[in-house]
C-alpha atoms as a PDB file:
ATOM      1  CA  MET A   1       0.412  -0.149   0.575  1.00  0.00           C
ATOM      2  CA  LEU A   2       3.042   2.530   0.915  1.00  0.00           C
ATOM      3  CA  ILE A   3       4.533   2.083  -2.596  1.00  0.00           C
ATOM      4  CA  LYS A   4       1.545   1.923  -3.963  1.00  0.00           C
ATOM      5  CA  GLU A   5       0.340   5.659  -3.063  1.00  0.00           C
ATOM      6  CA  PHE A   6       3.798   7.336  -3.349  1.00  0.00           C
ATOM      7  CA  GLU A   7       3.987   6.359  -6.503  1.00  0.00           C
ATOM      8  CA  GLN A   8       0.676   8.044  -6.738  1.00  0.00           C
ATOM      9  CA  VAL A   9       1.781  11.564  -4.831  1.00  0.00           C
ATOM     10  CA  VAL A  10       4.989  10.755  -7.639  1.00  0.00           C
ATOM     11  CA  ARG A  11       2.460  10.749 -10.699  1.00  0.00           C
ATOM     12  CA  ASP A  12       0.567  13.989  -8.936  1.00  0.00           C
ATOM     13  CA  CYS A  13       3.447  16.053  -7.156  1.00  0.00           C
ATOM     14  CA  SER A  14       6.054  15.289  -8.847  1.00  0.00           C
ATOM     15  CA  HIS A  15       7.830  18.510  -8.288  1.00  0.00           C
ATOM     16  CA  ARG A  16       7.134  19.436  -4.510  1.00  0.00           C
ATOM     17  CA  ILE A  17       9.128  19.103  -1.796  1.00  0.00           C
ATOM     18  CA  ALA A  18       9.291  15.533  -0.811  1.00  0.00           C
ATOM     19  CA  MET A  19      12.191  15.808   1.869  1.00  0.00           C
ATOM     20  CA  LYS A  20      14.060  17.463   3.032  1.00  0.00           C
ATOM     21  CA  THR A  21      17.799  17.640   5.372  1.00  0.00           C
ATOM     22  CA  PRO A  22      20.250  19.651   6.387  1.00  0.00           C
ATOM     23  CA  GLU A  23      22.181  17.512   3.233  1.00  0.00           C
ATOM     24  CA  ARG A  24      19.278  17.938  -0.154  1.00  0.00           C
ATOM     25  CA  THR A  25      16.620  18.686  -0.684  1.00  0.00           C
ATOM     26  CA  PHE A  26      14.201  15.963  -2.908  1.00  0.00           C
ATOM     27  CA  THR A  27      10.913  16.170  -5.262  1.00  0.00           C
ATOM     28  CA  TYR A  28       8.705  13.357  -5.087  1.00  0.00           C
ATOM     29  CA  GLN A  29      10.192  12.578  -8.605  1.00  0.00           C
ATOM     30  CA  GLU A  30      13.554  13.350  -7.422  1.00  0.00           C
ATOM     31  CA  LEU A  31      13.309  10.913  -4.364  1.00  0.00           C
ATOM     32  CA  ASN A  32      11.071   7.892  -6.366  1.00  0.00           C
ATOM     33  CA  ASN A  33      14.227   8.351  -9.077  1.00  0.00           C
ATOM     34  CA  SER A  34      16.727   7.734  -6.236  1.00  0.00           C
ATOM     35  CA  VAL A  35      14.637   4.539  -4.845  1.00  0.00           C
ATOM     36  CA  ASN A  36      14.036   2.986  -7.975  1.00  0.00           C
ATOM     37  CA  ARG A  37      17.677   2.585  -9.617  1.00  0.00           C
ATOM     38  CA  LEU A  38      18.890   1.337  -5.648  1.00  0.00           C
ATOM     39  CA  ALA A  39      15.605  -1.081  -5.737  1.00  0.00           C
ATOM     40  CA  HIS A  40      16.739  -2.425  -9.557  1.00  0.00           C
ATOM     41  CA  TRP A  41      20.661  -2.537  -7.714  1.00  0.00           C
ATOM     42  CA  ILE A  42      19.115  -4.294  -4.956  1.00  0.00           C
ATOM     43  CA  LEU A  43      17.048  -6.783  -7.636  1.00  0.00           C
ATOM     44  CA  SER A  44      20.507  -7.539  -9.678  1.00  0.00           C
ATOM     45  CA  GLN A  45      22.439  -8.835  -6.379  1.00  0.00           C
ATOM     46  CA  TYR A  46      20.373 -12.181  -5.446  1.00  0.00           C
ATOM     47  CA  ARG A  47      20.858 -14.773  -5.787  1.00  0.00           C
ATOM     48  CA  PRO A  48      17.922 -17.358  -7.267  1.00  0.00           C
ATOM     49  CA  ILE A  49      16.015 -17.688  -3.291  1.00  0.00           C
ATOM     50  CA  LYS A  50      16.444 -21.567  -2.569  1.00  0.00           C
ATOM     51  CA  THR A  51      14.189 -21.240   0.068  1.00  0.00           C
ATOM     52  CA  LYS A  52      11.571 -19.567   1.348  1.00  0.00           C
ATOM     53  CA  SER A  53      13.954 -17.660   4.715  1.00  0.00           C
ATOM     54  CA  GLU A  54      16.988 -16.841   1.949  1.00  0.00           C
ATOM     55  CA  GLY A  55      17.686 -13.863   0.800  1.00  0.00           C
ATOM     56  CA  GLN A  56      14.775 -12.035   1.771  1.00  0.00           C
ATOM     57  CA  THR A  57      16.615  -9.382   3.678  1.00  0.00           C
ATOM     58  CA  SER A  58      19.290  -6.743   3.312  1.00  0.00           C
ATOM     59  CA  ALA A  59      20.450  -5.823   6.444  1.00  0.00           C
ATOM     60  CA  LEU A  60      20.721  -1.152   6.018  1.00  0.00           C
ATOM     61  CA  LEU A  61      24.158   0.327   7.330  1.00  0.00           C
ATOM     62  CA  LEU A  62      23.086   4.130   7.648  1.00  0.00           C
ATOM     63  CA  GLN A  63      22.281   7.781   9.353  1.00  0.00           C
ATOM     64  CA  GLN A  64      18.967   8.289  10.147  1.00  0.00           C
ATOM     65  CA  GLY A  65      18.916  10.319   6.875  1.00  0.00           C
ATOM     66  CA  ASP A  66      17.916  10.041   3.050  1.00  0.00           C
ATOM     67  CA  ASN A  67      19.629   7.775   2.561  1.00  0.00           C
ATOM     68  CA  ALA A  68      17.595   5.813   5.184  1.00  0.00           C
ATOM     69  CA  VAL A  69      14.519   6.717   3.940  1.00  0.00           C
ATOM     70  CA  VAL A  70      15.486   5.810   0.102  1.00  0.00           C
ATOM     71  CA  ALA A  71      16.896   2.437   1.390  1.00  0.00           C
ATOM     72  CA  GLN A  72      14.179   1.626   3.102  1.00  0.00           C
ATOM     73  CA  MET A  73      11.818   2.566   0.596  1.00  0.00           C
ATOM     74  CA  ALA A  74      13.324   1.139  -2.517  1.00  0.00           C
ATOM     75  CA  VAL A  75      14.170  -2.662   0.329  1.00  0.00           C
ATOM     76  CA  LEU A  76      10.217  -2.831  -0.265  1.00  0.00           C
ATOM     77  CA  LYS A  77      10.022  -1.711  -3.826  1.00  0.00           C
ATOM     78  CA  ALA A  78      12.560  -4.906  -4.293  1.00  0.00           C
ATOM     79  CA  GLN A  79       9.390  -6.547  -2.518  1.00  0.00           C
ATOM     80  CA  LYS A  80      12.886  -7.893   0.261  1.00  0.00           C
ATOM     81  CA  VAL A  81      12.862  -7.049   3.949  1.00  0.00           C
ATOM     82  CA  TYR A  82      15.275  -5.003   5.096  1.00  0.00           C
ATOM     83  CA  VAL A  83      17.213  -5.260   9.042  1.00  0.00           C
ATOM     84  CA  PRO A  84      18.999  -1.685  11.095  1.00  0.00           C
ATOM     85  CA  PHE A  85      21.363  -1.859  11.001  1.00  0.00           C
ATOM     86  CA  ASP A  86      23.300   0.830  14.054  1.00  0.00           C
ATOM     87  CA  ALA A  87      27.032   1.702  13.954  1.00  0.00           C
ATOM     88  CA  THR A  88      26.887   2.393  17.445  1.00  0.00           C
ATOM     89  CA  TYR A  89      25.457  -1.361  18.383  1.00  0.00           C
ATOM     90  CA  PRO A  90      28.859  -3.220  19.917  1.00  0.00           C
ATOM     91  CA  PHE A  91      30.476  -5.192  16.294  1.00  0.00           C
ATOM     92  CA  LYS A  92      29.626  -8.199  18.343  1.00  0.00           C
ATOM     93  CA  ARG A  93      26.342  -7.342  17.970  1.00  0.00           C
ATOM     94  CA  LEU A  94      26.669  -6.665  14.832  1.00  0.00           C
ATOM     95  CA  GLU A  95      28.311  -9.625  13.878  1.00  0.00           C
ATOM     96  CA  ASN A  96      25.007 -11.875  15.432  1.00  0.00           C
ATOM     97  CA  MET A  97      22.900 -10.080  13.491  1.00  0.00           C
ATOM     98  CA  LEU A  98      24.804 -10.679   9.904  1.00  0.00           C
ATOM     99  CA  ASP A  99      24.302 -14.756  11.390  1.00  0.00           C
ATOM    100  CA  PHE A 100      21.011 -14.055  12.855  1.00  0.00           C
ATOM    101  CA  PHE A 101      19.008 -13.613   9.981  1.00  0.00           C
ATOM    102  CA  ASP A 102      20.947 -15.294   7.677  1.00  0.00           C
ATOM    103  CA  ILE A 103      21.776 -11.350   4.969  1.00  0.00           C
ATOM    104  CA  PRO A 104      22.675 -11.691   2.045  1.00  0.00           C
ATOM    105  CA  MET A 105      23.476  -8.241   1.144  1.00  0.00           C
ATOM    106  CA  ILE A 106      24.836  -5.317   2.982  1.00  0.00           C
ATOM    107  CA  ILE A 107      23.435  -1.416   1.981  1.00  0.00           C
ATOM    108  CA  THR A 108      25.641   0.826   3.246  1.00  0.00           C
ATOM    109  CA  ASP A 109      27.148   4.738   2.518  1.00  0.00           C
ATOM    110  CA  ASN A 110      30.385   5.864   2.508  1.00  0.00           C
ATOM    111  CA  GLU A 111      30.560   6.341   5.813  1.00  0.00           C
ATOM    112  CA  HIS A 112      30.617   2.631   6.853  1.00  0.00           C
ATOM    113  CA  GLU A 113      31.369   0.771   4.568  1.00  0.00           C
ATOM    114  CA  LYS A 114      34.982   0.237   5.840  1.00  0.00           C
ATOM    115  CA  LEU A 115      31.844  -1.668   9.163  1.00  0.00           C
ATOM    116  CA  ALA A 116      30.752  -2.804   6.986  1.00  0.00           C
ATOM    117  CA  ASP A 117      34.119  -4.195   5.469  1.00  0.00           C
ATOM    118  CA  ARG A 118      34.856  -5.437   8.434  1.00  0.00           C
ATOM    119  CA  LEU A 119      31.387  -7.090   9.205  1.00  0.00           C
ATOM    120  CA  ILE A 120      31.684  -9.772   5.948  1.00  0.00           C
ATOM    121  CA  ALA A 121      35.443 -10.300   6.628  1.00  0.00           C
ATOM    122  CA  ARG A 122      34.705 -12.742   9.347  1.00  0.00           C
ATOM    123  CA  ILE A 123      31.653 -14.835   7.439  1.00  0.00           C
ATOM    124  CA  PRO A 124      32.797 -17.862   5.291  1.00  0.00           C
ATOM    125  CA  ARG A 125      30.057 -16.747   2.500  1.00  0.00           C
ATOM    126  CA  GLU A 126      30.213 -14.281  -0.216  1.00  0.00           C
ATOM    127  CA  ILE A 127      28.241 -10.913   1.418  1.00  0.00           C
ATOM    128  CA  PRO A 128      27.454  -8.304  -1.572  1.00  0.00           C
ATOM    129  CA  ILE A 129      28.194  -4.291   0.102  1.00  0.00           C
ATOM    130  CA  LEU A 130      26.137  -2.207  -1.730  1.00  0.00           C
ATOM    131  CA  ASN A 131      27.387   1.815  -1.124  1.00  0.00           C
ATOM    132  CA  MET A 132      24.432   3.913  -1.998  1.00  0.00           C
ATOM    133  CA  ASP A 133      27.270   6.122  -2.325  1.00  0.00           C
ATOM    134  CA  ARG A 134      28.191   4.409  -5.900  1.00  0.00           C
ATOM    135  CA  ILE A 135      25.349   3.532  -7.058  1.00  0.00           C
ATOM    136  CA  PRO A 136      26.712   2.767 -10.858  1.00  0.00           C
ATOM    137  CA  LEU A 137      23.644   4.649 -12.703  1.00  0.00           C
ATOM    138  CA  GLN A 138      23.074   1.522 -15.361  1.00  0.00           C
ATOM    139  CA  TYR A 139      20.279   1.696 -13.329  1.00  0.00           C
ATOM    140  CA  PRO A 140      17.116   2.811 -14.703  1.00  0.00           C
ATOM    141  CA  THR A 141      15.273   5.385 -12.709  1.00  0.00           C
ATOM    142  CA  GLY A 142      11.718   3.550 -13.487  1.00  0.00           C
ATOM    143  CA  ASN A 143       9.623   1.356 -10.925  1.00  0.00           C
ATOM    144  CA  PRO A 144      10.811  -2.418 -11.068  1.00  0.00           C
ATOM    145  CA  GLY A 145       7.301  -3.163 -11.360  1.00  0.00           C
ATOM    146  CA  LEU A 146       6.990  -5.550  -9.287  1.00  0.00           C
ATOM    147  CA  GLU A 147       3.304  -6.032  -7.765  1.00  0.00           C
ATOM    148  CA  PRO A 148       2.590  -4.549  -4.230  1.00  0.00           C
ATOM    149  CA  ALA A 149       3.943  -7.416  -1.684  1.00  0.00           C
ATOM    150  CA  ASP A 150       1.161  -5.999   1.544  1.00  0.00           C
ATOM    151  CA  ARG A 151       0.952  -8.552   3.321  1.00  0.00           C
ATOM    152  CA  LEU A 152       5.081  -9.296   2.673  1.00  0.00           C
ATOM    153  CA  PRO A 153       7.237  -8.120   6.042  1.00  0.00           C
ATOM    154  CA  ALA A 154       8.454  -4.754   6.092  1.00  0.00           C
ATOM    155  CA  TYR A 155      11.908  -4.950   8.093  1.00  0.00           C
ATOM    156  CA  ILE A 156      13.119  -7.484  10.993  1.00  0.00           C
ATOM    157  CA  LEU A 157      13.961  -5.794  14.725  1.00  0.00           C
ATOM    158  CA  LEU A 158      16.046  -7.714  17.091  1.00  0.00           C
ATOM    159  CA  THR A 159      14.836  -7.323  19.807  1.00  0.00           C
ATOM    160  CA  SER A 160      17.899  -6.222  23.117  1.00  0.00           C
ATOM    161  CA  GLY A 161      17.462 -10.265  24.334  1.00  0.00           C
ATOM    162  CA  SER A 162      15.772  -9.159  27.986  1.00  0.00           C
ATOM    163  CA  SER A 163      13.716 -12.036  28.239  1.00  0.00           C
ATOM    164  CA  GLY A 164      17.968 -14.191  27.638  1.00  0.00           C
ATOM    165  CA  THR A 165      17.711 -14.642  23.745  1.00  0.00           C
ATOM    166  CA  PRO A 166      16.691 -12.248  20.316  1.00  0.00           C
ATOM    167  CA  ARG A 167      14.106 -12.493  18.947  1.00  0.00           C
ATOM    168  CA  GLY A 168      13.015 -11.362  15.596  1.00  0.00           C
ATOM    169  CA  VAL A 169      10.144  -8.943  15.592  1.00  0.00           C
ATOM    170  CA  LEU A 170       8.246  -8.779  13.083  1.00  0.00           C
ATOM    171  CA  GLN A 171       6.587  -5.049  10.912  1.00  0.00           C
ATOM    172  CA  THR A 172       4.484  -5.884   7.458  1.00  0.00           C
ATOM    173  CA  ARG A 173       4.173  -3.527   5.389  1.00  0.00           C
ATOM    174  CA  GLU A 174       0.527  -3.778   5.589  1.00  0.00           C
ATOM    175  CA  ASN A 175       1.628  -1.748   9.486  1.00  0.00           C
ATOM    176  CA  LEU A 176       3.188   0.895   7.461  1.00  0.00           C
END
């Protein structure tokens, strides 16, 4: 629902301001173009899904701000699920999250790329890092054209584990 409604607003109000941060101002069209380019890049990086649980999540290792908004929407447009990774967490917690969620991809930026590199260096499988500050221009700005999937999860938060074991809490797209 969120993506469908956003795309309608882009059609109706493409030149109006959609988001303003200290770094940048986006019109709806500019925001949609950035989201779509990243969504196409995300889709190009996923390996074929072998089981229902494999290959659906993307770690977002970003500060709050325009890159985080673009990444969240791009992951949703690509019909994937994002897991926010906070760079202020202890390194061991981030490693455990990478393993716990079987993350197949990290989306980050120049500021956090070295941390992402350190995280994947300790994992015995290949995990691509998509740096939002260097999205290849070859990816189109048009909508990916996937059918909205409102019943899919949107994101997963890892609880603190006060009961002894951390758990992932799912938020569905219907509730966004």
